């Protein structure tokens, strides 16, 4: 009867556990970062004053620059440069995020980022764990094979010496 090797099952289980642990850790870190972001940032409505049509082509991907005015949390009117996405170019009023100092800030990570980032990092960790364990198993098998061959070689030489 053939003995079943449970090593692949153990490798899958360990890689899955490692991937889940990393995904959970990343999700918790993202959640705490989001809580800190929402505690120090807020969203306000800004009035677009002028759109900069001279933006270089490379910055068009990140958004077109525009001058806008808004009122910060303390009631002070601020004027500054913001980035407008392509769908916001025609709007006179846009929603922007500002930090505690009243300066424009990037938008927080979206829902897709909260799901995709931990998932991808968990899968990456599981893959790396699987690869390391496979390499370790191959190295162990090579070491065992070399020891067996060295033992057989010693036995062969000892027998050859006795026969002389």
Protein backbone atom coordinates (compact mmCIF):
# COMPACT_ATOMS: atom_id res chain seq x y z
CA UNK A 1 0.00 0.00 0.00
CA UNK A 2 1.32 3.44 -0.94
CA UNK A 3 1.86 6.01 1.81
CA UNK A 4 0.15 9.35 1.14
CA UNK A 5 2.31 12.45 1.35
CA UNK A 6 0.54 15.15 3.36
CA UNK A 7 3.22 17.77 2.75
CA UNK A 8 1.35 19.56 -0.09
CA UNK A 9 -1.78 19.79 2.07
CA UNK A 10 0.23 21.25 4.95
CA UNK A 11 1.87 23.72 2.55
CA UNK A 12 -1.51 24.88 1.23
CA UNK A 13 -2.89 25.27 4.75
CA UNK A 14 0.14 27.21 6.00
CA UNK A 15 0.22 29.44 2.90
CA UNK A 16 -3.51 30.14 3.30
CA UNK A 17 -3.13 30.98 6.98
CA UNK A 18 -0.21 33.31 6.24
CA UNK A 19 -2.14 35.01 3.43
CA UNK A 20 -5.22 35.50 5.61
CA UNK A 21 -3.12 36.88 8.48
CA UNK A 22 -1.44 39.42 6.21
CA UNK A 23 -4.75 40.39 4.56
CA UNK A 24 -6.36 40.94 7.96
CA UNK A 25 -3.39 42.98 9.19
CA UNK A 26 -3.44 45.17 6.07
CA UNK A 27 -7.20 45.64 6.35
CA UNK A 28 -6.91 46.71 10.00
CA UNK A 29 -4.08 49.12 9.14
CA UNK A 30 -6.12 50.63 6.29
CA UNK A 31 -9.14 50.96 8.57
CA UNK A 32 -7.17 52.75 11.28
CA UNK A 33 -5.59 55.03 8.65
CA UNK A 34 -9.06 55.82 7.29
CA UNK A 35 -10.33 56.62 10.78
CA UNK A 36 -7.39 58.98 11.33
CA UNK A 37 -7.98 60.55 7.90
CA UNK A 38 -11.66 61.20 8.57
CA UNK A 39 -10.82 62.63 12.00
CA UNK A 40 -8.47 65.23 10.49
CA UNK A 41 -10.00 65.87 7.05
CA UNK A 42 -13.39 66.95 5.84
CA UNK A 43 -15.18 67.49 2.58
CA UNK A 44 -16.33 70.97 1.50
CA UNK A 45 -17.86 72.52 -1.60
CA UNK A 46 -15.48 74.70 -3.59
CA UNK A 47 -16.29 77.31 -6.23
CA UNK A 48 -14.16 76.85 -9.35
CA UNK A 49 -12.72 80.24 -10.31
CA UNK A 50 -10.49 79.38 -13.28
CA UNK A 51 -9.34 76.21 -15.06
CA UNK A 52 -5.71 76.03 -16.17
CA UNK A 53 -5.83 74.87 -19.79
CA UNK A 54 -2.04 75.03 -20.04
CA UNK A 55 -1.56 71.94 -17.85
CA UNK A 56 1.10 69.64 -19.27
CA UNK A 57 -0.16 66.42 -20.82
CA UNK A 58 1.42 64.32 -18.04
CA UNK A 59 -0.66 66.05 -15.36
CA UNK A 60 -3.91 65.58 -17.29
CA UNK A 61 -3.98 61.97 -16.10
CA UNK A 62 -3.82 63.15 -12.49
CA UNK A 63 -6.36 65.89 -13.22
CA UNK A 64 -6.44 69.37 -14.63
CA UNK A 65 -5.32 72.14 -12.32
CA UNK A 66 -7.88 74.75 -11.39
CA UNK A 67 -8.09 77.71 -9.04
CA UNK A 68 -10.92 77.42 -6.55
CA UNK A 69 -12.31 79.13 -3.47
CA UNK A 70 -13.80 77.41 -0.41
CA UNK A 71 -14.62 78.07 3.22
CA UNK A 72 -12.65 75.98 5.71
CA UNK A 73 -13.86 74.61 9.04
CA UNK A 74 -13.14 77.83 10.94
CA UNK A 75 -15.16 79.94 8.48
CA UNK A 76 -12.17 81.47 6.67
CA UNK A 77 -12.44 81.84 2.88
CA UNK A 78 -9.48 80.18 1.17
CA UNK A 79 -8.28 80.26 -2.44
CA UNK A 80 -5.94 77.64 -3.85
CA UNK A 81 -5.10 75.21 -6.61
CA UNK A 82 -7.02 71.94 -6.84
CA UNK A 83 -7.11 69.03 -9.32
CA UNK A 84 -10.25 68.43 -11.35
CA UNK A 85 -11.06 65.07 -12.87
CA UNK A 86 -12.33 64.95 -16.44
CA UNK A 87 -15.97 64.66 -15.34
CA UNK A 88 -15.65 67.78 -13.13
CA UNK A 89 -14.31 70.19 -15.77
CA UNK A 90 -17.73 71.60 -16.66
CA UNK A 91 -18.90 72.06 -13.08
CA UNK A 92 -18.76 75.42 -11.31
CA UNK A 93 -18.94 73.84 -7.83
CA UNK A 94 -17.07 70.69 -6.81
CA UNK A 95 -16.61 68.71 -3.60
CA UNK A 96 -13.01 68.65 -2.34
CA UNK A 97 -11.26 67.27 0.71
CA UNK A 98 -9.36 69.66 3.00
CA UNK A 99 -6.99 68.90 5.86
CA UNK A 100 -7.05 70.38 9.36
CA UNK A 101 -5.16 73.46 8.10
CA UNK A 102 -7.78 74.13 5.40
CA UNK A 103 -5.51 73.11 2.51
CA UNK A 104 -6.70 70.80 -0.30
CA UNK A 105 -5.93 67.14 0.33
CA UNK A 106 -6.18 63.99 -1.79
CA UNK A 107 -9.37 61.97 -1.53
CA UNK A 108 -9.36 59.00 0.88
CA UNK A 109 -8.95 55.44 -0.30
CA UNK A 110 -12.16 54.15 -1.87
CA UNK A 111 -14.12 51.03 -1.00
CA UNK A 112 -12.43 49.08 -3.80
CA UNK A 113 -9.02 49.91 -2.30
CA UNK A 114 -10.13 48.55 1.07
CA UNK A 115 -11.08 45.26 -0.56
CA UNK A 116 -8.52 44.83 -3.33
CA UNK A 117 -5.36 45.88 -1.45
CA UNK A 118 -5.63 43.36 1.40
CA UNK A 119 -6.80 40.66 -1.01
CA UNK A 120 -3.84 41.15 -3.36
CA UNK A 121 -1.31 41.35 -0.52
CA UNK A 122 -2.81 38.21 1.05
CA UNK A 123 -2.57 36.31 -2.24
CA UNK A 124 0.98 37.58 -2.77
CA UNK A 125 1.97 36.44 0.74
CA UNK A 126 0.38 33.03 0.19
CA UNK A 127 2.30 32.67 -3.09
CA UNK A 128 5.60 33.68 -1.52
CA UNK A 129 4.99 31.33 1.42
CA UNK A 130 4.21 28.48 -0.98
CA UNK A 131 7.36 29.22 -3.02
CA UNK A 132 9.64 29.35 0.03
CA UNK A 133 8.20 26.12 1.42
CA UNK A 134 8.54 24.40 -1.97
CA UNK A 135 12.16 25.52 -2.23
CA UNK A 136 12.83 24.32 1.32
CA UNK A 137 11.21 20.96 0.56
CA UNK A 138 13.30 20.58 -2.61
CA UNK A 139 16.45 21.49 -0.70
CA UNK A 140 15.61 18.97 2.00
CA UNK A 141 15.05 16.24 -0.60
CA UNK A 142 18.37 17.08 -2.30
CA UNK A 143 20.19 16.98 1.05
CA UNK A 144 18.64 13.60 1.91
CA UNK A 145 19.51 12.22 -1.54
CA UNK A 146 23.12 13.42 -1.24
CA UNK A 147 23.47 11.82 2.19
CA UNK A 148 22.00 8.55 0.87
CA UNK A 149 24.34 8.57 -2.12
CA UNK A 150 27.33 9.31 0.12
CA UNK A 151 26.34 6.43 2.40
CA UNK A 152 25.96 4.03 -0.52
CA UNK A 153 29.29 5.19 -1.91
CA UNK A 154 30.99 4.49 1.46
CA UNK A 155 29.40 1.05 1.60
CA UNK A 156 30.49 0.29 -1.97
CA UNK A 157 34.06 1.36 -1.29
CA UNK A 158 34.17 -0.63 1.98
CA UNK A 159 32.92 -3.73 0.17
CA UNK A 160 35.42 -3.18 -2.66
CA UNK A 161 38.24 -2.86 -0.11
CA UNK A 162 37.20 -6.14 1.57
CA UNK A 163 37.16 -8.00 -1.71
CA UNK A 164 40.74 -7.06 -2.54
